[in-house]
Amino acid sequence: MKRVRQFPDVTVLAFHDDISLVAPVRQLDSVLRWSQEHLRRIGAKLQLAKCTILHHPEVVSEVAQQPNLASLARTTEGLCLHGVPMGTTTYVAQQTRRLPLEHERLIEGILRLSADALPQQLCLFRYCASGRSTYLLRALDAAAGAVLAREVDARSLQVLSRICGPLHDHPLLSAGDAKLVQTQIQLPCRWGGLGFSSQARIQPAAAVDAWLQLFRGPLADLTPTLRLKQLLLNTADPATSPTTLTALAAEIRHLLRTVSENLPADCSPSVARTTTWDGLLNQSCAQRPTPPTATTAEAPPRPLTRVQRAFADALRCAPYQDIIDDPTVPAYARARLRSATGGASGTWFRDIPTASATFVTRQQLIANIRQLLGSPLTAHRSSEACSSCRHTHDVYGYQLLHRCSRSTRMRIHRHNELVRTVARLLRGWGFTDVVVEPGPMSEETPQREPDIQAIHPRTHRTLFFDVVVTSPFLTRRFQRTAARMGCAANTAAQRKMHKYSGIVTDPEDFVPIAIETYGRLATRTMADLRRLTRHLDSDFTILSRAI
């Protein structure tokens, strides 16, 4: 922790290559400009120190002699800096066994929250506990990181069962369905999961990215770093007398090979090109261009995205694609997963409370999570026919919540909730004269009543919004939803456009807000909202998560 001389009220928290800034809001712009110029170099120094210390015992001894180094625990066999063990093989193995225990203490602290704090518990597990373990995976060597990742994955599933009931271990779940639920839990939120991603999958990617940040950093011209880089790029047989760096290069090369072997066959070309160290180290800078400064003009190029993020996205997408392509997976499961996939999908099921501070009870949230995962909602199976429709009751809630006429009440509730949310967002985006339920658009068409009317802040045109919530399990849309993402929402949006086609002069003046019960927005809805928010400085992908 240190303070920036130019900004006495700003605190820099730096743990190896993870850097955070704490500053007053009034200084935010100045601090961001300063960080753009300096944090890359600070991060490179920290990364170089971490990688050097981990693999050079003589440097460990030198660091251990520093009298005023904070967060440093010393022993005769090694030292522990910011929670990362360094030293002999025995010492590192011993300390690695300690890390899962610390992770366990963090989890127990989260579990001690009140029973009504389930949303907060899920967020803390996803963003705090998982984030801390990912940080350690970037700092530990490959063997120790793999052990920690397996421990964290096993504990995460136990925690979910403890706070939400037996999600993947239920007497009514077959072995195949239980495995499917467990896989979906570990998928990212935008792929229809709960965000408890498998640390074992991303551990090699995190380690590869940590080394890449060293090789591409401003201080990558040190002799040991250059030698290690040459060994990675050299495809010939190693020297007859291998050195410490030779063994380290073989370990790093094995990490990247592990990542490439687990990538999906149809991953993006940009990711496929970076499955060798030659591709990683020589790809050109493809980030958003920024004006050169005194500290960045001579800096080497860096990848389009963080390699860890690009690899992790591809590694996490692989199990999703395995589910979709598996012919033995029931059509209901594929339709549910496709409907819950997308940037803004599933918000009602995972990220409650919402941005409008709307809370649900613990029981409601658990029921939402079970719906999302396809886990049983009740403790018994009902096979009798429903008195309101021709379908049979089922333990998963598909009939009751999606097909039965009694489910209309639930969709009306979510329709009204979405109308309030969209109206609030429009006001926040600068729209004026936002009116909810303005009435019929004309006397000739009393049935055409949009849900929202508003004026755009730049064009000053009057826009009309009509909200519809539809189920992907309706009989007439179920088969197409199982085969294609967003079919139910896209069909509903087309019907709304046809309904208002003869009334609205310009089609761009009408925006259909079509959303499926699992939260997936129609393609037309996303495109229209992007078009209407071009005047904003923020990225729409961030804003869309509030819907």
Protein backbone atom coordinates (compact mmCIF):
# COMPACT_ATOMS: atom_id res chain seq x y z
CA MET A 1 0.00 0.00 0.00
CA LYS A 2 1.35 3.43 -0.90
CA ARG A 3 0.19 6.93 -1.64
CA VAL A 4 0.68 8.77 -4.91
CA ARG A 5 2.67 11.96 -4.49
CA GLN A 6 0.55 13.94 -6.95
CA PHE A 7 -2.68 12.83 -5.25
CA PRO A 8 -2.35 12.75 -1.45
CA ASP A 9 -5.93 11.45 -1.05
CA VAL A 10 -5.35 8.46 -3.36
CA THR A 11 -4.23 5.06 -2.08
CA VAL A 12 -2.67 2.42 -4.33
CA LEU A 13 -3.16 -1.19 -3.25
CA ALA A 14 -0.68 -3.41 -5.09
CA PHE A 15 -0.42 -7.17 -4.60
CA HIS A 16 2.00 -8.53 -7.19
CA ASP A 17 0.36 -7.73 -10.55
CA ASP A 18 -3.09 -6.92 -9.07
CA ILE A 19 -3.46 -3.18 -8.54
CA SER A 20 -6.38 -1.17 -7.15
CA LEU A 21 -6.85 2.56 -6.68
CA VAL A 22 -8.94 4.10 -3.90
CA ALA A 23 -9.71 7.78 -4.49
CA PRO A 24 -12.42 10.41 -3.91
CA VAL A 25 -14.97 10.72 -6.69
CA ARG A 26 -13.97 14.31 -7.42
CA GLN A 27 -10.45 13.17 -8.37
CA LEU A 28 -11.59 10.24 -10.48
CA ASP A 29 -10.79 11.74 -13.89
CA SER A 30 -7.30 12.86 -12.88
CA VAL A 31 -6.50 9.55 -11.22
CA LEU A 32 -7.65 7.57 -14.26
CA ARG A 33 -5.40 9.63 -16.53
CA TRP A 34 -2.49 9.08 -14.17
CA SER A 35 -3.17 5.34 -13.96
CA GLN A 36 -3.26 5.04 -17.75
CA GLU A 37 0.29 6.40 -17.86
CA HIS A 38 1.86 4.64 -14.87
CA LEU A 39 0.05 1.51 -13.74
CA ARG A 40 1.33 -0.66 -16.60
CA ARG A 41 4.90 0.00 -15.56
CA ILE A 42 4.10 -0.56 -11.88
CA GLY A 43 2.33 -3.80 -12.74
CA ALA A 44 5.26 -5.00 -14.84
CA LYS A 45 7.68 -4.39 -11.96
CA LEU A 46 5.48 -6.31 -9.56
CA GLN A 47 5.04 -9.15 -12.05
CA LEU A 48 8.77 -9.38 -12.67
CA ALA A 49 9.45 -9.46 -8.95
CA LYS A 50 6.88 -12.19 -8.41
CA CYS A 51 8.11 -14.46 -11.19
CA THR A 52 11.75 -13.91 -10.30
CA ILE A 53 11.25 -14.62 -6.62
CA LEU A 54 9.25 -17.76 -7.28
CA HIS A 55 11.96 -19.48 -9.28
CA HIS A 56 15.29 -18.14 -8.00
CA PRO A 57 16.20 -19.23 -4.45
CA GLU A 58 19.02 -16.71 -4.19
CA VAL A 59 16.53 -13.88 -4.66
CA VAL A 60 14.30 -15.42 -2.01
CA SER A 61 17.20 -15.16 0.43
CA GLU A 62 17.79 -11.55 -0.54
CA VAL A 63 14.13 -10.63 -0.05
CA ALA A 64 14.02 -12.43 3.29
CA GLN A 65 16.74 -10.09 4.59
CA GLN A 66 14.67 -6.97 3.94
CA PRO A 67 13.74 -5.61 7.40
CA ASN A 68 10.71 -3.45 6.55
CA LEU A 69 8.91 -5.48 3.90
CA ALA A 70 5.20 -5.62 4.77
CA SER A 71 3.11 -8.81 4.62
CA LEU A 72 6.24 -11.00 4.72
CA ALA A 73 6.46 -14.15 6.86
CA ARG A 74 9.91 -15.75 7.10
CA THR A 75 11.04 -19.27 7.99
CA THR A 76 14.27 -21.18 7.51
CA GLU A 77 12.89 -22.95 4.41
CA GLY A 78 11.11 -20.11 2.68
CA LEU A 79 8.94 -17.05 2.98
CA CYS A 80 5.34 -16.08 2.35
CA LEU A 81 4.65 -12.73 0.66
CA HIS A 82 1.03 -11.56 0.38
CA GLY A 83 -0.15 -15.12 0.93
CA VAL A 84 2.07 -16.62 -1.81
CA PRO A 85 4.63 -19.20 -0.58
CA MET A 86 8.19 -19.17 -1.99
CA GLY A 87 11.16 -21.32 -1.11
CA THR A 88 12.02 -25.02 -1.07
CA THR A 89 9.75 -27.62 -2.65
CA THR A 90 8.81 -28.98 0.77
CA TYR A 91 7.95 -25.53 2.09
CA VAL A 92 5.81 -24.63 -0.93
CA ALA A 93 3.93 -27.95 -0.71
CA GLN A 94 3.31 -27.41 3.00
CA GLN A 95 2.05 -23.87 2.51
CA THR A 96 -0.10 -24.94 -0.44
CA ARG A 97 -2.00 -27.22 1.93
CA ARG A 98 -2.61 -24.15 4.08
CA LEU A 99 -4.27 -22.14 1.30
CA PRO A 100 -7.42 -24.31 1.07
CA LEU A 101 -7.83 -23.90 4.83
CA GLU A 102 -7.72 -20.12 4.45
CA HIS A 103 -10.25 -20.40 1.64
CA GLU A 104 -12.39 -22.49 3.98
CA ARG A 105 -12.26 -19.79 6.68
CA LEU A 106 -13.35 -17.17 4.16
CA ILE A 107 -16.26 -19.37 3.08
CA GLU A 108 -17.32 -20.00 6.67
CA GLY A 109 -17.37 -16.25 7.29
CA ILE A 110 -19.68 -15.78 4.31
CA LEU A 111 -21.92 -18.61 5.46
CA ARG A 112 -22.32 -16.98 8.88
CA LEU A 113 -24.35 -14.17 7.32
CA SER A 114 -28.05 -14.15 8.12
CA ALA A 115 -30.36 -16.62 6.40
CA ASP A 116 -32.01 -13.80 4.42
CA ALA A 117 -28.69 -12.68 2.89
CA LEU A 118 -28.60 -15.31 0.15
CA PRO A 119 -28.08 -12.78 -2.71
CA GLN A 120 -25.17 -11.21 -0.84
CA GLN A 121 -23.71 -14.64 -0.09
CA LEU A 122 -23.82 -15.66 -3.74
CA CYS A 123 -22.12 -12.41 -4.80
CA LEU A 124 -19.40 -12.81 -2.17
CA PHE A 125 -18.74 -16.39 -3.24
CA ARG A 126 -18.59 -15.42 -6.91
CA TYR A 127 -16.61 -12.18 -6.73
CA CYS A 128 -14.65 -12.40 -3.47
CA ALA A 129 -13.82 -16.04 -2.76
CA SER A 130 -13.40 -17.01 -6.42
CA GLY A 131 -11.48 -13.81 -7.17
CA ARG A 132 -9.02 -14.47 -4.37
CA SER A 133 -8.37 -18.00 -5.57
CA THR A 134 -7.83 -16.76 -9.14
CA TYR A 135 -5.24 -14.28 -7.82
CA LEU A 136 -3.39 -17.11 -6.10
CA LEU A 137 -3.53 -19.25 -9.25
CA ARG A 138 -1.66 -16.50 -11.10
CA ALA A 139 1.04 -16.41 -8.42
CA LEU A 140 1.55 -20.10 -7.57
CA ASP A 141 3.55 -22.52 -9.66
CA ALA A 142 1.67 -25.01 -11.83
CA ALA A 143 1.61 -27.98 -9.44
CA ALA A 144 0.57 -26.00 -6.38
CA GLY A 145 -2.04 -24.07 -8.36
CA ALA A 146 -3.62 -27.28 -9.66
CA VAL A 147 -4.00 -28.64 -6.12
CA LEU A 148 -5.62 -25.42 -4.90
CA ALA A 149 -7.98 -25.28 -7.89
CA ARG A 150 -9.32 -28.78 -7.24
CA GLU A 151 -9.92 -27.98 -3.57
CA VAL A 152 -11.77 -24.76 -4.39
CA ASP A 153 -13.99 -26.44 -6.99
CA ALA A 154 -15.04 -29.21 -4.63
CA ARG A 155 -15.83 -26.76 -1.84
CA SER A 156 -17.87 -24.45 -4.07
CA LEU A 157 -20.35 -27.20 -4.95
CA GLN A 158 -20.67 -28.15 -1.28
CA VAL A 159 -21.41 -24.54 -0.36
CA LEU A 160 -24.18 -24.22 -2.94
CA SER A 161 -25.82 -27.39 -1.65
CA ARG A 162 -25.57 -26.05 1.88
CA ILE A 163 -27.29 -22.72 1.22
CA CYS A 164 -29.64 -23.68 -1.64
CA GLY A 165 -30.42 -27.31 -0.88
CA PRO A 166 -29.29 -30.35 -2.90
CA LEU A 167 -29.05 -28.76 -6.34
CA HIS A 168 -27.04 -31.51 -8.02
CA ASP A 169 -27.52 -34.30 -5.49
CA HIS A 170 -31.27 -34.95 -5.36
CA PRO A 171 -33.09 -38.32 -5.19
CA LEU A 172 -35.28 -37.36 -8.16
CA LEU A 173 -32.30 -36.48 -10.35
CA SER A 174 -30.80 -39.18 -12.54
CA ALA A 175 -27.03 -39.47 -12.75
CA GLY A 176 -27.02 -37.74 -16.14
CA ASP A 177 -29.24 -34.88 -14.96
CA ALA A 178 -27.16 -34.42 -11.81
CA LYS A 179 -23.99 -34.14 -13.90
CA LEU A 180 -25.74 -31.63 -16.16
CA VAL A 181 -26.75 -29.47 -13.17
CA GLN A 182 -23.21 -29.58 -11.79
CA THR A 183 -21.80 -28.54 -15.17
CA GLN A 184 -24.27 -25.68 -15.51
CA ILE A 185 -23.43 -24.37 -12.02
CA GLN A 186 -19.82 -23.92 -13.16
CA LEU A 187 -20.74 -22.09 -16.38
CA PRO A 188 -20.35 -18.29 -16.47
CA CYS A 189 -23.53 -16.27 -16.01
CA ARG A 190 -23.66 -15.29 -19.67
CA TRP A 191 -23.58 -18.99 -20.62
CA GLY A 192 -26.57 -19.86 -18.44
CA GLY A 193 -24.70 -20.80 -15.25
CA LEU A 194 -24.27 -19.41 -11.76
CA GLY A 195 -20.76 -18.06 -12.32
CA PHE A 196 -19.01 -20.57 -10.04
CA SER A 197 -16.55 -21.34 -12.81
CA SER A 198 -14.21 -24.26 -12.50
CA GLN A 199 -10.88 -23.01 -11.18
CA ALA A 200 -9.23 -26.21 -12.41
CA ARG A 201 -10.15 -25.25 -15.98
CA ILE A 202 -8.71 -21.75 -15.85
CA GLN A 203 -5.67 -22.49 -13.68
CA PRO A 204 -3.32 -23.16 -16.64
CA ALA A 205 -4.68 -20.09 -18.45
CA ALA A 206 -4.07 -17.91 -15.39
CA ALA A 207 -0.50 -19.16 -15.08
CA VAL A 208 0.18 -18.63 -18.81
CA ASP A 209 -1.18 -15.10 -18.65
CA ALA A 210 0.97 -14.27 -15.63
CA TRP A 211 4.11 -15.24 -17.55
CA LEU A 212 2.98 -13.42 -20.68
CA GLN A 213 2.54 -10.17 -18.75
CA LEU A 214 6.17 -10.48 -17.72
CA PHE A 215 7.45 -11.16 -21.26
CA ARG A 216 5.50 -8.25 -22.77
CA GLY A 217 6.10 -5.77 -19.97
CA PRO A 218 8.36 -2.72 -20.10
CA LEU A 219 11.04 -4.54 -18.07
CA ALA A 220 11.16 -7.66 -20.21
CA ASP A 221 14.72 -6.95 -21.41
CA LEU A 222 16.46 -8.38 -18.35
CA THR A 223 18.89 -11.19 -19.16
CA PRO A 224 17.03 -14.03 -17.33
CA THR A 225 13.73 -12.99 -18.90
CA LEU A 226 15.21 -12.81 -22.40
CA ARG A 227 16.86 -16.21 -21.95
CA LEU A 228 13.60 -17.78 -20.79
CA LYS A 229 11.74 -16.21 -23.71
CA GLN A 230 14.29 -17.63 -26.17
CA LEU A 231 13.87 -21.09 -24.66
CA LEU A 232 10.09 -20.89 -25.13
CA LEU A 233 10.42 -19.81 -28.75
CA ASN A 234 13.06 -22.44 -29.52
CA THR A 235 11.41 -25.58 -30.92
CA ALA A 236 14.67 -27.55 -31.11
CA ASP A 237 15.75 -30.08 -28.49
CA PRO A 238 17.01 -28.55 -25.23
CA ALA A 239 20.69 -28.35 -24.45
CA THR A 240 22.50 -31.42 -23.22
CA SER A 241 23.15 -29.73 -19.87
CA PRO A 242 19.77 -28.32 -18.85
CA THR A 243 19.68 -25.38 -16.47
CA THR A 244 17.05 -24.14 -14.04
CA LEU A 245 15.59 -21.95 -16.78
CA THR A 246 15.38 -24.95 -19.13
CA ALA A 247 13.21 -26.85 -16.66
CA LEU A 248 11.12 -23.75 -16.05
CA ALA A 249 10.60 -23.26 -19.80
CA ALA A 250 9.42 -26.86 -20.13
CA GLU A 251 6.92 -26.32 -17.32
CA ILE A 252 5.57 -23.12 -18.90
CA ARG A 253 5.35 -24.77 -22.32
CA HIS A 254 3.36 -27.62 -20.76
CA LEU A 255 0.91 -25.08 -19.28
CA LEU A 256 0.11 -23.64 -22.69
CA ARG A 257 -0.19 -27.13 -24.18
CA THR A 258 -2.73 -27.99 -21.47
CA VAL A 259 -4.76 -24.91 -22.34
CA SER A 260 -4.74 -25.61 -26.09
CA GLU A 261 -5.80 -29.24 -25.60
CA ASN A 262 -8.92 -28.16 -23.68
CA LEU A 263 -10.04 -25.43 -26.07
CA PRO A 264 -13.19 -26.18 -28.07
CA ALA A 265 -12.64 -27.29 -31.65
CA ASP A 266 -14.58 -24.31 -33.02
CA CYS A 267 -12.99 -21.60 -30.88
CA SER A 268 -12.45 -18.21 -32.47
CA PRO A 269 -9.49 -17.83 -34.88
CA SER A 270 -7.98 -15.10 -32.70
CA VAL A 271 -7.75 -17.54 -29.79
CA ALA A 272 -6.61 -20.44 -31.95
CA ARG A 273 -3.67 -18.37 -33.26
CA THR A 274 -2.38 -17.87 -29.72
CA THR A 275 -2.00 -21.52 -28.74
CA THR A 276 1.79 -21.32 -29.18
CA TRP A 277 4.27 -19.05 -27.47
CA ASP A 278 5.33 -17.74 -30.86
CA GLY A 279 1.74 -16.65 -31.51
CA LEU A 280 1.35 -15.14 -28.05
CA LEU A 281 4.58 -13.17 -28.02
CA ASN A 282 4.45 -11.93 -31.61
CA GLN A 283 0.80 -10.93 -32.08
CA SER A 284 0.33 -7.24 -32.75
CA CYS A 285 -1.39 -4.76 -30.50
CA ALA A 286 -5.11 -4.83 -31.19
CA GLN A 287 -6.41 -2.90 -28.20
CA ARG A 288 -8.39 0.28 -28.59
CA PRO A 289 -5.81 2.84 -29.78
CA THR A 290 -4.68 5.43 -27.26
CA PRO A 291 -2.39 8.44 -27.77
CA PRO A 292 1.25 7.56 -27.03
CA THR A 293 2.80 9.01 -23.91
CA ALA A 294 6.31 9.22 -22.59
CA THR A 295 5.88 5.92 -20.77
CA THR A 296 3.96 4.00 -23.44
CA ALA A 297 5.57 5.14 -26.71
CA GLU A 298 8.34 2.54 -26.49
CA ALA A 299 6.35 -0.17 -24.71
CA PRO A 300 5.94 -3.44 -26.61
CA PRO A 301 2.52 -4.31 -28.03
CA ARG A 302 0.10 -6.32 -25.95
CA PRO A 303 -2.78 -8.63 -26.89
CA LEU A 304 -6.29 -7.61 -27.84
CA THR A 305 -7.58 -8.83 -24.50
CA ARG A 306 -5.99 -10.31 -21.45
CA VAL A 307 -4.92 -13.76 -22.52
CA GLN A 308 -6.32 -15.21 -19.33
CA ARG A 309 -9.75 -13.78 -20.15
CA ALA A 310 -9.68 -14.93 -23.78
CA PHE A 311 -8.54 -18.43 -22.86
CA ALA A 312 -10.89 -18.63 -19.89
CA ASP A 313 -13.88 -17.63 -22.01
CA ALA A 314 -13.05 -20.35 -24.53
CA LEU A 315 -12.41 -22.95 -21.82
CA ARG A 316 -15.70 -22.14 -20.10
CA CYS A 317 -17.58 -22.18 -23.40
CA ALA A 318 -16.43 -25.74 -24.11
CA PRO A 319 -18.70 -27.45 -21.51
CA TYR A 320 -21.64 -25.32 -22.69
CA GLN A 321 -21.07 -26.46 -26.27
CA ASP A 322 -20.78 -30.06 -25.08
CA ILE A 323 -24.26 -29.80 -23.57
CA ILE A 324 -25.80 -28.22 -26.66
CA ASP A 325 -24.21 -30.76 -29.03
CA ASP A 326 -25.01 -33.83 -26.92
CA PRO A 327 -27.98 -35.70 -28.48
CA THR A 328 -28.66 -37.49 -25.18
CA VAL A 329 -29.42 -34.20 -23.38
CA PRO A 330 -33.22 -33.69 -23.24
CA ALA A 331 -34.70 -31.00 -25.43
CA TYR A 332 -36.05 -29.23 -22.34
CA ALA A 333 -32.51 -28.85 -20.97
CA ARG A 334 -31.17 -27.48 -24.26
CA ALA A 335 -34.08 -25.03 -24.57
CA ARG A 336 -33.61 -23.86 -20.99
CA LEU A 337 -29.88 -23.35 -21.45
CA ARG A 338 -30.26 -21.52 -24.77
CA SER A 339 -32.89 -19.22 -23.25
CA ALA A 340 -30.62 -18.39 -20.31
CA THR A 341 -27.62 -17.62 -22.54
CA GLY A 342 -26.67 -14.07 -23.47
CA GLY A 343 -25.19 -10.87 -22.12
CA ALA A 344 -28.29 -9.76 -20.20
CA SER A 345 -30.03 -13.11 -19.77
CA GLY A 346 -30.98 -14.69 -16.51
CA THR A 347 -30.74 -11.51 -14.44
CA TRP A 348 -33.99 -12.28 -12.65
CA PHE A 349 -32.66 -15.69 -11.70
CA ARG A 350 -29.12 -14.86 -10.53
CA ASP A 351 -28.47 -11.22 -9.74
CA ILE A 352 -31.31 -10.33 -7.42
CA PRO A 353 -31.55 -7.74 -5.82
CA THR A 354 -31.81 -5.81 -9.06
CA ALA A 355 -30.54 -2.33 -9.82
CA SER A 356 -33.92 -0.93 -8.70
CA ALA A 357 -33.41 -2.41 -5.20
CA THR A 358 -36.23 -4.94 -5.63
CA PHE A 359 -35.75 -7.79 -3.17
CA VAL A 360 -37.22 -11.27 -3.20
CA THR A 361 -37.41 -13.74 -0.40
CA ARG A 362 -34.85 -16.45 0.10
CA GLN A 363 -37.38 -19.09 -0.96
CA GLN A 364 -38.18 -17.22 -4.18
CA LEU A 365 -34.51 -16.88 -5.10
CA ILE A 366 -33.83 -20.56 -4.42
CA ALA A 367 -36.82 -21.46 -6.60
CA ASN A 368 -35.44 -19.21 -9.36
CA ILE A 369 -32.03 -20.88 -9.16
CA ARG A 370 -33.61 -24.34 -9.30
CA GLN A 371 -35.61 -23.30 -12.36
CA LEU A 372 -32.48 -22.03 -14.04
CA LEU A 373 -30.56 -25.25 -13.38
CA GLY A 374 -33.42 -27.68 -14.02
CA SER A 375 -33.28 -28.98 -10.46
CA PRO A 376 -36.49 -30.30 -8.81
CA LEU A 377 -38.66 -27.68 -7.11
CA THR A 378 -40.51 -30.04 -4.77
CA ALA A 379 -39.75 -33.14 -2.76
CA HIS A 380 -42.18 -35.39 -4.60
CA ARG A 381 -43.23 -36.06 -8.17
CA SER A 382 -46.83 -35.32 -9.19
CA SER A 383 -48.05 -37.26 -12.21
CA GLU A 384 -51.74 -36.27 -12.24
CA ALA A 385 -53.10 -34.09 -15.02
CA CYS A 386 -53.51 -30.37 -14.38
CA SER A 387 -57.09 -29.17 -13.90
CA SER A 388 -56.43 -26.00 -15.91
CA CYS A 389 -54.67 -27.47 -18.95
CA ARG A 390 -54.07 -30.79 -20.64
CA HIS A 391 -50.47 -31.16 -19.48
CA THR A 392 -49.26 -33.26 -16.57
CA HIS A 393 -47.74 -31.76 -13.45
CA ASP A 394 -43.97 -32.16 -13.23
CA VAL A 395 -41.49 -31.67 -10.44
CA TYR A 396 -39.37 -29.17 -12.39
CA GLY A 397 -42.12 -26.57 -12.78
CA TYR A 398 -42.15 -26.49 -16.59
CA GLN A 399 -45.87 -27.21 -16.80
CA LEU A 400 -46.93 -25.00 -13.91
CA LEU A 401 -44.69 -22.01 -14.60
CA HIS A 402 -44.59 -21.96 -18.41
CA ARG A 403 -47.45 -23.86 -20.03
CA CYS A 404 -50.41 -23.71 -17.68
CA SER A 405 -52.88 -20.84 -17.93
CA ARG A 406 -52.26 -20.16 -14.25
CA SER A 407 -48.73 -19.05 -15.10
CA THR A 408 -50.18 -15.94 -16.75
CA ARG A 409 -50.12 -14.22 -13.37
CA MET A 410 -46.36 -14.75 -13.06
CA ARG A 411 -45.69 -13.35 -16.53
CA ILE A 412 -47.90 -10.31 -15.82
CA HIS A 413 -45.92 -9.66 -12.64
CA ARG A 414 -42.64 -9.79 -14.51
CA HIS A 415 -44.11 -7.68 -17.31
CA ASN A 416 -44.97 -4.92 -14.83
CA GLU A 417 -41.56 -5.25 -13.17
CA LEU A 418 -39.82 -4.87 -16.53
CA VAL A 419 -41.95 -1.83 -17.46
CA ARG A 420 -40.85 -0.06 -14.28
CA THR A 421 -37.21 -1.02 -14.88
CA VAL A 422 -37.18 0.22 -18.50
CA ALA A 423 -38.85 3.50 -17.51
CA ARG A 424 -36.25 4.05 -14.79
CA LEU A 425 -33.41 3.32 -17.22
CA LEU A 426 -34.82 5.71 -19.83
CA ARG A 427 -34.88 8.52 -17.28
CA GLY A 428 -31.31 7.70 -16.32
CA TRP A 429 -30.26 7.76 -19.98
CA GLY A 430 -31.58 11.31 -20.37
CA PHE A 431 -34.95 10.62 -22.00
CA THR A 432 -37.58 13.23 -21.16
CA ASP A 433 -41.35 13.08 -20.63
CA VAL A 434 -41.21 9.37 -19.79
CA VAL A 435 -44.83 8.25 -19.33
CA VAL A 436 -45.87 4.75 -18.26
CA GLU A 437 -49.12 3.49 -19.82
CA PRO A 438 -49.84 6.64 -21.89
CA GLY A 439 -53.05 5.14 -23.31
CA PRO A 440 -54.14 4.40 -26.91
CA MET A 441 -51.99 5.86 -29.67
CA SER A 442 -55.09 7.02 -31.57
CA GLU A 443 -58.85 6.90 -31.34
CA GLU A 444 -59.01 4.62 -34.38
CA THR A 445 -56.83 1.96 -32.69
CA PRO A 446 -57.90 1.74 -29.04
CA GLN A 447 -56.29 -1.71 -28.73
CA ARG A 448 -52.83 -0.35 -29.52
CA GLU A 449 -51.63 0.81 -26.09
CA PRO A 450 -47.84 0.98 -25.64
CA ASP A 451 -46.40 0.55 -22.18
CA ILE A 452 -44.04 3.55 -22.27
CA GLN A 453 -43.79 6.81 -24.19
CA ALA A 454 -40.63 8.95 -24.07
CA ILE A 455 -38.73 11.67 -25.97
CA HIS A 456 -35.14 11.03 -27.08
CA PRO A 457 -32.68 13.59 -25.61
CA ARG A 458 -30.80 14.16 -28.89
CA THR A 459 -33.29 13.66 -31.73
CA HIS A 460 -36.31 14.89 -29.71
CA ARG A 461 -38.44 12.27 -31.42
CA THR A 462 -41.31 10.63 -29.56
CA LEU A 463 -40.66 6.92 -29.07
CA PHE A 464 -43.02 4.16 -28.01
CA PHE A 465 -42.03 1.04 -26.06
CA ASP A 466 -44.14 -2.08 -25.65
CA VAL A 467 -43.06 -4.85 -23.27
CA VAL A 468 -43.84 -8.54 -23.64
CA VAL A 469 -42.65 -11.46 -21.50
CA THR A 470 -42.86 -14.84 -23.22
CA SER A 471 -41.98 -18.41 -22.29
CA PRO A 472 -39.59 -20.52 -24.38
CA PHE A 473 -41.55 -23.63 -23.34
CA LEU A 474 -44.80 -22.70 -25.04
CA THR A 475 -45.78 -25.57 -27.32
CA ARG A 476 -45.62 -23.55 -30.54
CA ARG A 477 -42.08 -22.27 -29.77
CA PHE A 478 -40.47 -25.05 -27.77
CA GLN A 479 -38.84 -27.06 -30.57
CA ARG A 480 -37.38 -23.98 -32.26
CA THR A 481 -36.05 -22.66 -28.94
CA ALA A 482 -34.28 -25.96 -28.30
CA ALA A 483 -32.49 -25.57 -31.65
CA ARG A 484 -31.83 -21.82 -31.74
CA MET A 485 -31.14 -19.14 -29.14
CA GLY A 486 -33.77 -16.50 -28.49
CA CYS A 487 -36.44 -17.91 -30.80
CA ALA A 488 -39.31 -17.14 -28.41
CA ALA A 489 -38.19 -13.55 -27.76
CA ASN A 490 -37.49 -12.86 -31.45
CA THR A 491 -40.91 -14.19 -32.45
CA ALA A 492 -42.62 -12.04 -29.82
CA ALA A 493 -40.72 -8.95 -31.04
CA GLN A 494 -41.79 -9.62 -34.63
CA ARG A 495 -45.42 -9.90 -33.56
CA LYS A 496 -45.19 -6.57 -31.73
CA MET A 497 -43.66 -4.92 -34.79
CA HIS A 498 -46.48 -6.27 -36.97
CA LYS A 499 -49.07 -5.08 -34.43
CA TYR A 500 -47.86 -1.45 -34.58
CA SER A 501 -46.72 -1.41 -38.23
CA GLY A 502 -49.77 0.46 -39.51
CA ILE A 503 -49.73 3.06 -36.73
CA VAL A 504 -46.11 4.17 -36.34
CA THR A 505 -44.89 6.18 -39.34
CA ASP A 506 -41.21 5.34 -38.86
CA PRO A 507 -40.38 1.82 -37.61
CA GLU A 508 -37.49 3.26 -35.59
CA ASP A 509 -39.99 5.15 -33.43
CA PHE A 510 -41.28 1.89 -31.97
CA VAL A 511 -39.14 -0.35 -29.75
CA PRO A 512 -40.38 -3.83 -28.78
CA ILE A 513 -38.99 -4.91 -25.40
CA ALA A 514 -39.36 -8.68 -25.80
CA ILE A 515 -37.85 -10.90 -23.13
CA GLU A 516 -38.10 -14.58 -22.30
CA THR A 517 -38.95 -15.82 -18.82
CA TYR A 518 -35.31 -16.82 -18.35
CA GLY A 519 -34.20 -13.27 -19.13
CA ARG A 520 -33.01 -13.44 -22.74
CA LEU A 521 -33.74 -10.29 -24.76
CA ALA A 522 -34.76 -10.34 -28.42
CA THR A 523 -32.11 -9.44 -30.98
CA ARG A 524 -34.22 -6.51 -32.21
CA THR A 525 -34.56 -5.23 -28.64
CA MET A 526 -30.81 -5.23 -28.04
CA ALA A 527 -30.13 -3.52 -31.39
CA ASP A 528 -32.71 -0.79 -30.74
CA LEU A 529 -31.42 -0.08 -27.24
CA ARG A 530 -27.86 0.18 -28.54
CA ARG A 531 -29.03 2.64 -31.20
CA LEU A 532 -30.94 4.76 -28.69
CA THR A 533 -28.02 4.97 -26.23
CA ARG A 534 -25.30 6.10 -28.63
CA HIS A 535 -25.29 9.49 -26.91
CA LEU A 536 -23.99 7.86 -23.73
CA ASP A 537 -20.31 7.61 -22.88
CA SER A 538 -20.76 4.26 -21.15
CA ASP A 539 -20.64 0.96 -22.94
CA PHE A 540 -24.11 -0.43 -23.61
CA THR A 541 -23.04 -3.91 -22.60
CA ILE A 542 -22.70 -2.57 -19.05
CA LEU A 543 -26.03 -0.78 -19.15
CA SER A 544 -27.85 -3.79 -20.55
CA ARG A 545 -27.06 -5.84 -17.46
CA ALA A 546 -29.47 -3.69 -15.48
CA ILE A 547 -32.42 -4.90 -17.57
